[in-house]
Amino acid sequence: MDEQALEKAICLAFQCLLPDLHGEGYRIVSQQAVLLERRLDLLLRKPDGQICIIELKQGAPPMPQVRDQILDYASCWELSFPTQQRPRLIVIGNSIPETTKLELANFGIESRAITKAAVIEALDRGSSGVSVSQGLKLVPDDPDRVKHLLSDYGSVTLPANLPLCPPWTHEKAFLALVNRREKHKELWRKNIYVQLYPQAPNCAVLYGPKAQSTRRGPLHLNPRVKSWNEAAFQKIKPPLIKYVQSDNKGPGKERLNFDWYQVTDWDGFAAALGL
């Protein structure tokens, strides 16, 4: 069962699938609420104002990615609304291994398993009939201050003892592109990347070494958009890079899918980019 199906099922059968939360007075405020460009799968609130953020994952939640993801949501919330209570955090998957449950608990994160069978049984009992809004825009009390506090300035700062010369590494290549003033992702967002060359929309970017979610393939290329530079690709094509996987953003969004690559020869890659 994918995340969208699980999210929809919980909205339709909240009382059956999460009876303890319903009994405590929580109600779903929004699906996919947006806070500082982070999308919260489910945002719940009690009458006393206590907030609960739920992150949904297909199958067993991947660790440590899901832990870091929901902790990032909590940090954004606390910085955005400093006078409110810290949000309650819950991760839900179709299964929760004991090691995952313990790791999440160590960070104050609850976890629940909702199986496909439980979803089918709950939906067979009927819908709650309660409509849930989607995409609620959450505005921080002081947006500029929050963005400043979230910004990872260190990720684009060149250490004094790190020369930008061979032997090249992921960190050196990333910082050399930043140093060349190629455009990078705004620092208050997650998973910072830098463009390989000027482009709009993005079609060739290198994620920084701190971006855990893209470690398997930090180079992301999309030859399906108008800004694609085939000549630049020919300079860095295999064997300097190796294909890993592609995005799957769903029907009708195929042109937005990026292809992920490993860089197998950082020296050759840097030379091809003129670093």
C-alpha atoms as a PDB file:
ATOM      1  CA  MET A   1       0.000   0.000   0.000  1.00  0.00           C
ATOM      2  CA  ASP A   2       1.514   3.327  -1.054  1.00  0.00           C
ATOM      3  CA  GLU A   3       1.629   6.446   1.095  1.00  0.00           C
ATOM      4  CA  GLN A   4      -1.172   8.273  -0.757  1.00  0.00           C
ATOM      5  CA  ALA A   5      -3.556   5.361  -0.308  1.00  0.00           C
ATOM      6  CA  LEU A   6      -2.704   5.088   3.393  1.00  0.00           C
ATOM      7  CA  GLU A   7      -3.144   8.830   3.859  1.00  0.00           C
ATOM      8  CA  LYS A   8      -6.544   8.800   2.178  1.00  0.00           C
ATOM      9  CA  ALA A   9      -7.649   5.769   4.197  1.00  0.00           C
ATOM     10  CA  ILE A  10      -6.731   7.416   7.513  1.00  0.00           C
ATOM     11  CA  CYS A  11      -8.685  10.519   6.544  1.00  0.00           C
ATOM     12  CA  LEU A  12     -11.733   8.416   5.641  1.00  0.00           C
ATOM     13  CA  ALA A  13     -11.526   6.093   8.656  1.00  0.00           C
ATOM     14  CA  PHE A  14      -9.550   8.059  11.242  1.00  0.00           C
ATOM     15  CA  GLN A  15     -11.587   6.856  14.213  1.00  0.00           C
ATOM     16  CA  CYS A  16     -11.140   3.200  13.245  1.00  0.00           C
ATOM     17  CA  LEU A  17      -7.479   3.271  12.240  1.00  0.00           C
ATOM     18  CA  LEU A  18      -6.217   5.582  15.014  1.00  0.00           C
ATOM     19  CA  PRO A  19      -8.846   5.213  17.761  1.00  0.00           C
ATOM     20  CA  ASP A  20      -6.507   6.305  20.580  1.00  0.00           C
ATOM     21  CA  LEU A  21      -5.746   9.644  18.911  1.00  0.00           C
ATOM     22  CA  HIS A  22      -9.421  10.158  18.121  1.00  0.00           C
ATOM     23  CA  GLY A  23     -10.306   9.337  21.719  1.00  0.00           C
ATOM     24  CA  GLU A  24      -7.782  11.891  23.001  1.00  0.00           C
ATOM     25  CA  GLY A  25      -9.561  14.575  21.000  1.00  0.00           C
ATOM     26  CA  TYR A  26      -7.262  14.885  18.002  1.00  0.00           C
ATOM     27  CA  ARG A  27      -8.840  15.752  14.667  1.00  0.00           C
ATOM     28  CA  ILE A  28      -7.192  15.958  11.252  1.00  0.00           C
ATOM     29  CA  VAL A  29      -6.654  19.602  10.274  1.00  0.00           C
ATOM     30  CA  SER A  30      -5.109  19.015   6.866  1.00  0.00           C
ATOM     31  CA  GLN A  31      -3.514  16.547   4.509  1.00  0.00           C
ATOM     32  CA  GLN A  32      -0.215  17.736   3.034  1.00  0.00           C
ATOM     33  CA  ALA A  33      -0.047  20.919   5.107  1.00  0.00           C
ATOM     34  CA  VAL A  34       2.831  23.105   3.889  1.00  0.00           C
ATOM     35  CA  LEU A  35       5.346  24.656   6.286  1.00  0.00           C
ATOM     36  CA  LEU A  36       8.478  26.279   4.833  1.00  0.00           C
ATOM     37  CA  GLU A  37       8.056  24.126   1.707  1.00  0.00           C
ATOM     38  CA  ARG A  38       7.953  20.967   3.813  1.00  0.00           C
ATOM     39  CA  ARG A  39       4.829  18.874   3.248  1.00  0.00           C
ATOM     40  CA  LEU A  40       3.406  17.346   6.430  1.00  0.00           C
ATOM     41  CA  ASP A  41       1.464  14.220   5.500  1.00  0.00           C
ATOM     42  CA  LEU A  42      -1.131  14.693   8.237  1.00  0.00           C
ATOM     43  CA  LEU A  43      -1.537  17.592  10.658  1.00  0.00           C
ATOM     44  CA  LEU A  44      -3.757  16.952  13.687  1.00  0.00           C
ATOM     45  CA  ARG A  45      -4.888  19.234  16.500  1.00  0.00           C
ATOM     46  CA  LYS A  46      -6.619  18.796  19.862  1.00  0.00           C
ATOM     47  CA  PRO A  47      -9.083  21.345  21.280  1.00  0.00           C
ATOM     48  CA  ASP A  48      -6.381  22.534  23.695  1.00  0.00           C
ATOM     49  CA  GLY A  49      -4.144  23.434  20.740  1.00  0.00           C
ATOM     50  CA  GLN A  50      -1.742  20.471  20.973  1.00  0.00           C
ATOM     51  CA  ILE A  51      -0.445  19.596  17.508  1.00  0.00           C
ATOM     52  CA  CYS A  52       0.443  16.179  16.145  1.00  0.00           C
ATOM     53  CA  ILE A  53       2.457  15.657  12.958  1.00  0.00           C
ATOM     54  CA  ILE A  54       2.173  12.265  11.257  1.00  0.00           C
ATOM     55  CA  GLU A  55       4.610  11.032   8.616  1.00  0.00           C
ATOM     56  CA  LEU A  56       3.448   8.095   6.493  1.00  0.00           C
ATOM     57  CA  LYS A  57       5.674   5.578   4.734  1.00  0.00           C
ATOM     58  CA  GLN A  58       4.974   2.675   2.451  1.00  0.00           C
ATOM     59  CA  GLY A  59       6.073  -0.662   3.893  1.00  0.00           C
ATOM     60  CA  ALA A  60       8.632  -0.298   6.693  1.00  0.00           C
ATOM     61  CA  PRO A  61       9.840   3.302   7.225  1.00  0.00           C
ATOM     62  CA  PRO A  62      13.425   3.748   5.971  1.00  0.00           C
ATOM     63  CA  MET A  63      15.877   4.691   8.674  1.00  0.00           C
ATOM     64  CA  PRO A  64      17.455   7.078   9.497  1.00  0.00           C
ATOM     65  CA  GLN A  65      15.810   9.100   6.707  1.00  0.00           C
ATOM     66  CA  VAL A  66      12.295   9.117   8.181  1.00  0.00           C
ATOM     67  CA  ARG A  67      13.641   9.970  11.644  1.00  0.00           C
ATOM     68  CA  ASP A  68      15.582  12.952  10.304  1.00  0.00           C
ATOM     69  CA  GLN A  69      12.635  14.012   8.149  1.00  0.00           C
ATOM     70  CA  ILE A  70      10.100  14.235  10.955  1.00  0.00           C
ATOM     71  CA  LEU A  71      12.629  15.829  13.336  1.00  0.00           C
ATOM     72  CA  ASP A  72      13.180  18.491  10.674  1.00  0.00           C
ATOM     73  CA  TYR A  73       9.421  19.106  10.626  1.00  0.00           C
ATOM     74  CA  ALA A  74       9.460  19.482  14.410  1.00  0.00           C
ATOM     75  CA  SER A  75      12.344  21.968  14.273  1.00  0.00           C
ATOM     76  CA  CYS A  76      10.536  24.003  11.614  1.00  0.00           C
ATOM     77  CA  TRP A  77       7.401  24.038  13.742  1.00  0.00           C
ATOM     78  CA  GLU A  78       9.177  25.098  16.932  1.00  0.00           C
ATOM     79  CA  LEU A  79      11.044  27.902  15.178  1.00  0.00           C
ATOM     80  CA  SER A  80       7.940  29.024  13.302  1.00  0.00           C
ATOM     81  CA  PHE A  81       5.605  29.029  16.319  1.00  0.00           C
ATOM     82  CA  PRO A  82       7.816  29.494  19.409  1.00  0.00           C
ATOM     83  CA  THR A  83       4.905  30.165  21.779  1.00  0.00           C
ATOM     84  CA  GLN A  84       3.205  26.856  20.995  1.00  0.00           C
ATOM     85  CA  GLN A  85       3.903  23.438  22.478  1.00  0.00           C
ATOM     86  CA  ARG A  86       6.342  21.097  20.773  1.00  0.00           C
ATOM     87  CA  PRO A  87       4.359  18.947  18.328  1.00  0.00           C
ATOM     88  CA  ARG A  88       3.720  15.294  18.993  1.00  0.00           C
ATOM     89  CA  LEU A  89       5.483  13.207  16.337  1.00  0.00           C
ATOM     90  CA  ILE A  90       4.249   9.899  14.908  1.00  0.00           C
ATOM     91  CA  VAL A  91       5.599   7.747  12.085  1.00  0.00           C
ATOM     92  CA  ILE A  92       3.218   5.248  10.509  1.00  0.00           C
ATOM     93  CA  GLY A  93       4.107   2.446   8.124  1.00  0.00           C
ATOM     94  CA  ASN A  94       2.584  -0.854   7.055  1.00  0.00           C
ATOM     95  CA  SER A  95       5.083  -2.514   9.404  1.00  0.00           C
ATOM     96  CA  ILE A  96       7.457  -1.217  12.082  1.00  0.00           C
ATOM     97  CA  PRO A  97      10.509  -3.370  12.857  1.00  0.00           C
ATOM     98  CA  GLU A  98      11.419  -3.409  16.535  1.00  0.00           C
ATOM     99  CA  THR A  99      14.778  -1.738  15.842  1.00  0.00           C
ATOM    100  CA  THR A 100      12.994   1.108  14.027  1.00  0.00           C
ATOM    101  CA  LYS A 101      10.483   1.492  16.854  1.00  0.00           C
ATOM    102  CA  LEU A 102      13.258   1.720  19.453  1.00  0.00           C
ATOM    103  CA  GLU A 103      15.353   4.153  17.385  1.00  0.00           C
ATOM    104  CA  LEU A 104      12.382   6.470  16.864  1.00  0.00           C
ATOM    105  CA  ALA A 105      11.443   6.267  20.544  1.00  0.00           C
ATOM    106  CA  ASN A 106      14.966   7.343  21.501  1.00  0.00           C
ATOM    107  CA  PHE A 107      14.198  10.651  19.750  1.00  0.00           C
ATOM    108  CA  GLY A 108      10.736  11.045  21.249  1.00  0.00           C
ATOM    109  CA  ILE A 109       8.960   9.848  18.105  1.00  0.00           C
ATOM    110  CA  GLU A 110       6.041   7.425  18.337  1.00  0.00           C
ATOM    111  CA  SER A 111       5.418   4.779  15.694  1.00  0.00           C
ATOM    112  CA  ARG A 112       2.449   2.751  14.540  1.00  0.00           C
ATOM    113  CA  ALA A 113       1.901  -0.064  12.049  1.00  0.00           C
ATOM    114  CA  ILE A 114      -1.245  -0.078   9.924  1.00  0.00           C
ATOM    115  CA  THR A 115      -1.490  -3.090   7.639  1.00  0.00           C
ATOM    116  CA  LYS A 116      -3.325  -3.265   4.344  1.00  0.00           C
ATOM    117  CA  ALA A 117      -5.754  -5.712   5.943  1.00  0.00           C
ATOM    118  CA  ALA A 118      -6.536  -3.223   8.723  1.00  0.00           C
ATOM    119  CA  VAL A 119      -7.188  -0.504   6.136  1.00  0.00           C
ATOM    120  CA  ILE A 120      -9.581  -2.714   4.160  1.00  0.00           C
ATOM    121  CA  GLU A 121     -11.440  -3.700   7.316  1.00  0.00           C
ATOM    122  CA  ALA A 122     -11.771  -0.071   8.449  1.00  0.00           C
ATOM    123  CA  LEU A 123     -13.011   1.119   5.053  1.00  0.00           C
ATOM    124  CA  ASP A 124     -15.524  -1.729   4.926  1.00  0.00           C
ATOM    125  CA  ARG A 125     -17.084  -0.274   8.076  1.00  0.00           C
ATOM    126  CA  GLY A 126     -17.744   2.929   6.176  1.00  0.00           C
ATOM    127  CA  SER A 127     -16.389   6.452   5.867  1.00  0.00           C
ATOM    128  CA  SER A 128     -16.489   8.977   8.682  1.00  0.00           C
ATOM    129  CA  GLY A 129     -18.053  11.442   6.291  1.00  0.00           C
ATOM    130  CA  VAL A 130     -15.740  14.179   7.571  1.00  0.00           C
ATOM    131  CA  SER A 131     -14.075  16.258   4.874  1.00  0.00           C
ATOM    132  CA  VAL A 132     -10.358  16.935   5.335  1.00  0.00           C
ATOM    133  CA  SER A 133      -8.738  19.982   3.762  1.00  0.00           C
ATOM    134  CA  GLN A 134      -5.590  19.642   1.697  1.00  0.00           C
ATOM    135  CA  GLY A 135      -2.481  21.781   1.390  1.00  0.00           C
ATOM    136  CA  LEU A 136      -3.080  24.135   4.332  1.00  0.00           C
ATOM    137  CA  LYS A 137      -0.447  26.895   4.116  1.00  0.00           C
ATOM    138  CA  LEU A 138       1.194  27.461   7.504  1.00  0.00           C
ATOM    139  CA  VAL A 139       2.833  30.887   7.889  1.00  0.00           C
ATOM    140  CA  PRO A 140       5.582  31.290  10.537  1.00  0.00           C
ATOM    141  CA  ASP A 141       5.286  34.126  13.031  1.00  0.00           C
ATOM    142  CA  ASP A 142       8.549  35.636  11.692  1.00  0.00           C
ATOM    143  CA  PRO A 143       9.399  33.969   8.327  1.00  0.00           C
ATOM    144  CA  ASP A 144      12.701  35.785   7.714  1.00  0.00           C
ATOM    145  CA  ARG A 145      14.049  34.940  11.168  1.00  0.00           C
ATOM    146  CA  VAL A 146      13.041  31.304  10.822  1.00  0.00           C
ATOM    147  CA  LYS A 147      14.687  30.969   7.410  1.00  0.00           C
ATOM    148  CA  HIS A 148      17.873  32.480   8.813  1.00  0.00           C
ATOM    149  CA  LEU A 149      17.897  30.053  11.748  1.00  0.00           C
ATOM    150  CA  LEU A 150      17.273  27.069   9.463  1.00  0.00           C
ATOM    151  CA  SER A 151      19.963  28.061   6.969  1.00  0.00           C
ATOM    152  CA  ASP A 152      23.006  25.788   6.879  1.00  0.00           C
ATOM    153  CA  TYR A 153      25.658  28.353   5.972  1.00  0.00           C
ATOM    154  CA  GLY A 154      28.416  25.866   6.739  1.00  0.00           C
ATOM    155  CA  SER A 155      27.343  23.632   3.844  1.00  0.00           C
ATOM    156  CA  VAL A 156      28.535  26.242   1.316  1.00  0.00           C
ATOM    157  CA  THR A 157      31.517  27.632   3.245  1.00  0.00           C
ATOM    158  CA  LEU A 158      34.961  26.585   2.018  1.00  0.00           C
ATOM    159  CA  PRO A 159      37.181  25.430   4.922  1.00  0.00           C
ATOM    160  CA  ALA A 160      40.502  27.267   5.008  1.00  0.00           C
ATOM    161  CA  ASN A 161      42.453  23.995   4.897  1.00  0.00           C
ATOM    162  CA  LEU A 162      40.594  22.496   1.904  1.00  0.00           C
ATOM    163  CA  PRO A 163      42.288  23.396  -1.411  1.00  0.00           C
ATOM    164  CA  LEU A 164      40.110  23.116  -4.501  1.00  0.00           C
ATOM    165  CA  CYS A 165      42.478  20.967  -6.509  1.00  0.00           C
ATOM    166  CA  PRO A 166      43.132  17.256  -7.195  1.00  0.00           C
ATOM    167  CA  PRO A 167      42.543  14.786  -5.770  1.00  0.00           C
ATOM    168  CA  TRP A 168      38.897  15.789  -6.135  1.00  0.00           C
ATOM    169  CA  THR A 169      36.146  14.558  -3.820  1.00  0.00           C
ATOM    170  CA  HIS A 170      32.385  15.030  -3.608  1.00  0.00           C
ATOM    171  CA  GLU A 171      32.855  17.842  -1.079  1.00  0.00           C
ATOM    172  CA  LYS A 172      35.523  19.602  -3.136  1.00  0.00           C
ATOM    173  CA  ALA A 173      33.529  19.445  -6.387  1.00  0.00           C
ATOM    174  CA  PHE A 174      30.372  20.721  -4.668  1.00  0.00           C
ATOM    175  CA  LEU A 175      32.199  23.626  -3.010  1.00  0.00           C
ATOM    176  CA  ALA A 176      34.103  24.451  -6.210  1.00  0.00           C
ATOM    177  CA  LEU A 177      30.801  24.880  -8.055  1.00  0.00           C
ATOM    178  CA  VAL A 178      29.511  27.087  -5.225  1.00  0.00           C
ATOM    179  CA  ASN A 179      32.800  29.030  -5.283  1.00  0.00           C
ATOM    180  CA  ARG A 180      32.355  29.525  -9.037  1.00  0.00           C
ATOM    181  CA  ARG A 181      29.040  31.179  -8.130  1.00  0.00           C
ATOM    182  CA  GLU A 182      26.824  28.580  -9.713  1.00  0.00           C
ATOM    183  CA  LYS A 183      23.335  28.911  -8.264  1.00  0.00           C
ATOM    184  CA  HIS A 184      22.593  26.727  -5.247  1.00  0.00           C
ATOM    185  CA  LYS A 185      19.407  25.860  -3.404  1.00  0.00           C
ATOM    186  CA  GLU A 186      18.357  28.339  -0.732  1.00  0.00           C
ATOM    187  CA  LEU A 187      20.043  27.333   2.516  1.00  0.00           C
ATOM    188  CA  TRP A 188      16.910  27.231   4.680  1.00  0.00           C
ATOM    189  CA  ARG A 189      15.579  24.374   2.575  1.00  0.00           C
ATOM    190  CA  LYS A 190      16.581  20.744   3.019  1.00  0.00           C
ATOM    191  CA  ASN A 191      19.145  18.850   0.938  1.00  0.00           C
ATOM    192  CA  ILE A 192      21.220  21.621  -0.644  1.00  0.00           C
ATOM    193  CA  TYR A 193      22.279  21.248  -4.275  1.00  0.00           C
ATOM    194  CA  VAL A 194      24.230  23.394  -6.725  1.00  0.00           C
ATOM    195  CA  GLN A 195      23.754  23.711 -10.478  1.00  0.00           C
ATOM    196  CA  LEU A 196      26.478  22.445 -12.815  1.00  0.00           C
ATOM    197  CA  TYR A 197      25.885  25.433 -15.113  1.00  0.00           C
ATOM    198  CA  PRO A 198      23.245  28.224 -15.439  1.00  0.00           C
ATOM    199  CA  GLN A 199      19.823  26.666 -16.111  1.00  0.00           C
ATOM    200  CA  ALA A 200      16.111  27.259 -15.681  1.00  0.00           C
ATOM    201  CA  PRO A 201      14.382  25.045 -14.854  1.00  0.00           C
ATOM    202  CA  ASN A 202      16.841  22.813 -13.028  1.00  0.00           C
ATOM    203  CA  CYS A 203      18.163  19.970 -15.161  1.00  0.00           C
ATOM    204  CA  ALA A 204      21.690  19.206 -13.904  1.00  0.00           C
ATOM    205  CA  VAL A 205      22.468  19.565 -10.197  1.00  0.00           C
ATOM    206  CA  LEU A 206      24.894  18.098  -7.694  1.00  0.00           C
ATOM    207  CA  TYR A 207      23.611  17.527  -4.168  1.00  0.00           C
ATOM    208  CA  GLY A 208      25.968  18.293  -1.326  1.00  0.00           C
ATOM    209  CA  PRO A 209      27.638  15.537   0.734  1.00  0.00           C
ATOM    210  CA  LYS A 210      25.355  16.341   3.704  1.00  0.00           C
ATOM    211  CA  ALA A 211      22.199  15.400   1.749  1.00  0.00           C
ATOM    212  CA  GLN A 212      21.585  11.931   3.172  1.00  0.00           C
ATOM    213  CA  SER A 213      18.568  11.145   0.983  1.00  0.00           C
ATOM    214  CA  THR A 214      20.614  11.401  -2.236  1.00  0.00           C
ATOM    215  CA  ARG A 215      23.846   9.713  -1.157  1.00  0.00           C
ATOM    216  CA  ARG A 216      23.289   6.774  -3.528  1.00  0.00           C
ATOM    217  CA  GLY A 217      23.225   9.171  -6.468  1.00  0.00           C
ATOM    218  CA  PRO A 218      24.076  12.818  -5.722  1.00  0.00           C
ATOM    219  CA  LEU A 219      24.181  13.892  -9.378  1.00  0.00           C
ATOM    220  CA  HIS A 220      20.655  14.511 -10.712  1.00  0.00           C
ATOM    221  CA  LEU A 221      20.077  15.021 -14.442  1.00  0.00           C
ATOM    222  CA  ASN A 222      16.906  15.648 -16.418  1.00  0.00           C
ATOM    223  CA  PRO A 223      17.361  15.650 -20.215  1.00  0.00           C
ATOM    224  CA  ARG A 224      13.601  16.083 -20.743  1.00  0.00           C
ATOM    225  CA  VAL A 225      13.454  19.847 -20.120  1.00  0.00           C
ATOM    226  CA  LYS A 226      14.313  22.791 -22.375  1.00  0.00           C
ATOM    227  CA  SER A 227      17.306  23.932 -20.294  1.00  0.00           C
ATOM    228  CA  TRP A 228      19.168  20.650 -20.874  1.00  0.00           C
ATOM    229  CA  ASN A 229      22.696  21.061 -22.248  1.00  0.00           C
ATOM    230  CA  GLU A 230      23.637  17.948 -24.207  1.00  0.00           C
ATOM    231  CA  ALA A 231      27.166  19.191 -24.865  1.00  0.00           C
ATOM    232  CA  ALA A 232      27.796  19.508 -21.134  1.00  0.00           C
ATOM    233  CA  PHE A 233      26.457  16.000 -20.573  1.00  0.00           C
ATOM    234  CA  GLN A 234      28.769  14.541 -23.214  1.00  0.00           C
ATOM    235  CA  LYS A 235      31.717  15.822 -21.174  1.00  0.00           C
ATOM    236  CA  ILE A 236      30.622  14.079 -17.976  1.00  0.00           C
ATOM    237  CA  LYS A 237      28.838  11.000 -19.373  1.00  0.00           C
ATOM    238  CA  PRO A 238      29.769   7.413 -18.380  1.00  0.00           C
ATOM    239  CA  PRO A 239      32.275   6.128 -17.402  1.00  0.00           C
ATOM    240  CA  LEU A 240      32.797   9.286 -15.317  1.00  0.00           C
ATOM    241  CA  ILE A 241      29.299   8.784 -13.910  1.00  0.00           C
ATOM    242  CA  LYS A 242      27.094   5.732 -13.354  1.00  0.00           C
ATOM    243  CA  TYR A 243      23.282   5.572 -13.556  1.00  0.00           C
ATOM    244  CA  VAL A 244      21.562   4.569 -10.303  1.00  0.00           C
ATOM    245  CA  GLN A 245      17.808   5.165 -10.576  1.00  0.00           C
ATOM    246  CA  SER A 246      15.122   7.581 -11.750  1.00  0.00           C
ATOM    247  CA  ASP A 247      12.389   9.500  -9.965  1.00  0.00           C
ATOM    248  CA  ASN A 248       8.818   8.333 -10.293  1.00  0.00           C
ATOM    249  CA  LYS A 249       6.598  11.350  -9.751  1.00  0.00           C
ATOM    250  CA  GLY A 250       3.536   9.705 -11.226  1.00  0.00           C
ATOM    251  CA  PRO A 251       1.424   9.837 -14.389  1.00  0.00           C
ATOM    252  CA  GLY A 252       1.536  13.133 -16.237  1.00  0.00           C
ATOM    253  CA  LYS A 253       4.722  14.237 -14.462  1.00  0.00           C
ATOM    254  CA  GLU A 254       7.227  12.166 -16.423  1.00  0.00           C
ATOM    255  CA  ARG A 255       9.079  15.258 -17.657  1.00  0.00           C
ATOM    256  CA  LEU A 256       9.808  16.220 -14.041  1.00  0.00           C
ATOM    257  CA  ASN A 257      11.612  12.973 -13.242  1.00  0.00           C
ATOM    258  CA  PHE A 258      15.359  13.263 -12.638  1.00  0.00           C
ATOM    259  CA  ASP A 259      17.847  10.485 -13.321  1.00  0.00           C
ATOM    260  CA  TRP A 260      20.203   9.815 -10.401  1.00  0.00           C
ATOM    261  CA  TYR A 261      23.896   9.127 -10.985  1.00  0.00           C
ATOM    262  CA  GLN A 262      26.935   8.252  -8.922  1.00  0.00           C
ATOM    263  CA  VAL A 263      30.164  10.028  -9.795  1.00  0.00           C
ATOM    264  CA  THR A 264      32.737   7.247 -10.337  1.00  0.00           C
ATOM    265  CA  ASP A 265      35.697   9.501 -11.202  1.00  0.00           C
ATOM    266  CA  TRP A 266      35.730  12.782  -9.295  1.00  0.00           C
ATOM    267  CA  ASP A 267      38.979  13.939 -10.901  1.00  0.00           C
ATOM    268  CA  GLY A 268      37.593  13.396 -14.404  1.00  0.00           C
ATOM    269  CA  PHE A 269      34.251  14.903 -13.426  1.00  0.00           C
ATOM    270  CA  ALA A 270      35.890  18.061 -12.038  1.00  0.00           C
ATOM    271  CA  ALA A 271      38.087  18.434 -15.117  1.00  0.00           C
ATOM    272  CA  ALA A 272      35.072  18.052 -17.421  1.00  0.00           C
ATOM    273  CA  LEU A 273      33.320  20.870 -15.547  1.00  0.00           C
ATOM    274  CA  GLY A 274      36.390  23.100 -15.722  1.00  0.00           C
ATOM    275  CA  LEU A 275      36.891  23.184 -11.954  1.00  0.00           C
END
